[in-house]
Amino acid sequence: MDYFLILDIGTTTVKAFAYTENGEIIKKVEDKAPVMFPSPGWVEQDPVKLWNMVYDAATRIINEFGKPKSIGISTQRASTTVWYKDSGEPLHNMITWQDARAIDIAEEYSNKFILRFGRGIGKLVSFFKKSSKSMKINYLITLSNFRFGPNQPIIHLRWLLDNIENLESLAREGKVLFGTLDTWILYNFLKRHITDYTNASATGMFDPFFMKWSDRLTKLLNIPRNMLPELVDNMGHFGEIKDLDNVPITAIIADQQASLFSAGGMKRGTVKITNGTGSFIDINVGDIPLPARFGLYPLVAFKWRDRKAYLLEGIIQSSGSAIDWLMRVGILKDYEEISKLIKDEETEVLFIPALAGLGAPYWRMNAKGIIYGLTRATERGEIAKALIDGIAFRCYEVISVIKKATNIPFDEIIADGNASRVRYLLERIADFTGLTIKVSKNLEGTSRGTFLIARGGLLDLTPEEAFIPPDTSIIIKQRRKRFNPERWRRLIDFINELA
């Protein structure tokens, strides 16, 4: 039958979907992706095992439905792998985006004179302008806030070059290749060393203002440029998979950008929240990147031929993974129990879900989660409620700085992701922010956006022709306006003091 095979490769799950030409999911295969924690703060995955899981998921769909019209691939961003060019054998486990082993390296290079000088120039420019239609002005303003993050591939790659024997010389001899997860999967499918612009823009070594690998940053960290993959668009014809009856790959895009495309295509001012492992809040800012401010990062939202769109993104590091933690320690049995346990009334218990550090606007990767207000009378439902409220508060913080950084008015946000099944979470986000939450009927926004792009790539459509609005028939509005954020802010100040 006619269908599109969509691969959605996340941090904790590998998913494969069969989408009909009308956008209906007729089959979903999902497997848990194993994650390793070899040392405190280290978060790794076995790249060979992950690749085998992806190939197995794809073939299970194909064995049932036959050859697909094309394949679309979406991946989580910012995980780092290095492998031998000839054999394809990895030299180390994949270092994921949640890994904080390289905090010292990030600090060392962030404090180099050239970056301190750049921040000074940027601060001078930003004193007179907060943003501009000029790409160069926005670039200089971004410099005022630029620091390396310990979770960026450029920093993890520097750690690998420092800690794997002979890797630096192998890299300079052109014998090894670097890639994020999309590059690793595509190399195994096609034997091409490529990445798309959306994934590249999350590596810390890509210049989104001039749409190329950054000469300044790669030179500063002494990254051999011959390790880096070729840059390609998100929609098009990228090659055929010989092992799968020559089926073409027609979409390559990062997961959050795929979800944003599903929410609004190329429309400026579209805002979406994906509640998955973390909560990712993104706004399409149009065809000129806005400067990084308040812990938000400018990323490429979409690239096709001479067309491009940008986004600003804020991240809550732990949301769905924090709910999973409640289940792991026995406070919750499953997602369905949340609505039964939680009483929608005030509680003295506060929970800051910094289980993998604090994301925007703080970016304190060594921060730890905290529960405050426990007594002998505290019930497990209060702890669950406090966690959901804490996630919603962190979403409120990120949405507040997005409004401040963009000056783009919006009064609604489109929600997807597995944790968006928790209606109480969306109700609290609406309560805290005053926004109307429109919930996608298809919570798999990443796979849906990838399907739209894969279909567009196969049929040679424009981005506007490829986009189909999502079904958002579930609408959640603010129920109560009274909200005092100071209790959470004092607790976050305390966490930051301890970190």
Foldseek 3Di string as FASTA:
>chain_A
DEWEWEWEAEDFKTKIFTAHPVGDTPDMDMDTFDWDDPDVLFIFGALVVSLVVNVVNRVVVCVVPNAYQAYFYAYAAAWKWKAFLPPLHTPDTITALLGQPQVVVQVVLCPDPVLVVLLVQLVVLCVVPLWDLDLVSQVSVQSVPDTDASSAQLSVVLVCVVPRPCPLVCVQVLGMAMDISLQSNCCVQAVAREAEQQRVQRRVQADPSVGGGHPVSCVSSVPRPSRHHHYDFAAAWDFFGVVRVRHTYGGYHYQVLLLQCQAPQQDFQAWAWAPAQKIKIKGWHHQHWGHDDQQWDKGWSGDDDPDTIIMIMWIANGDNVLVVVCCVVPLDVDLVCLVVLADPDDDPKAKACCCQHGGGSPSGRPFHIDIDDDDPPDHSNVVSVNSLLNSLLSVLRRVVVVCVSRVRDDQEYEYAYDNVVNVVSVQSNQQSNQHKYFYFPHSSSSSSSSSLSSVCRSVVHDSVVSHDHTDRPDIHHHDHNDDDSVVVVVVVVVRVVVD
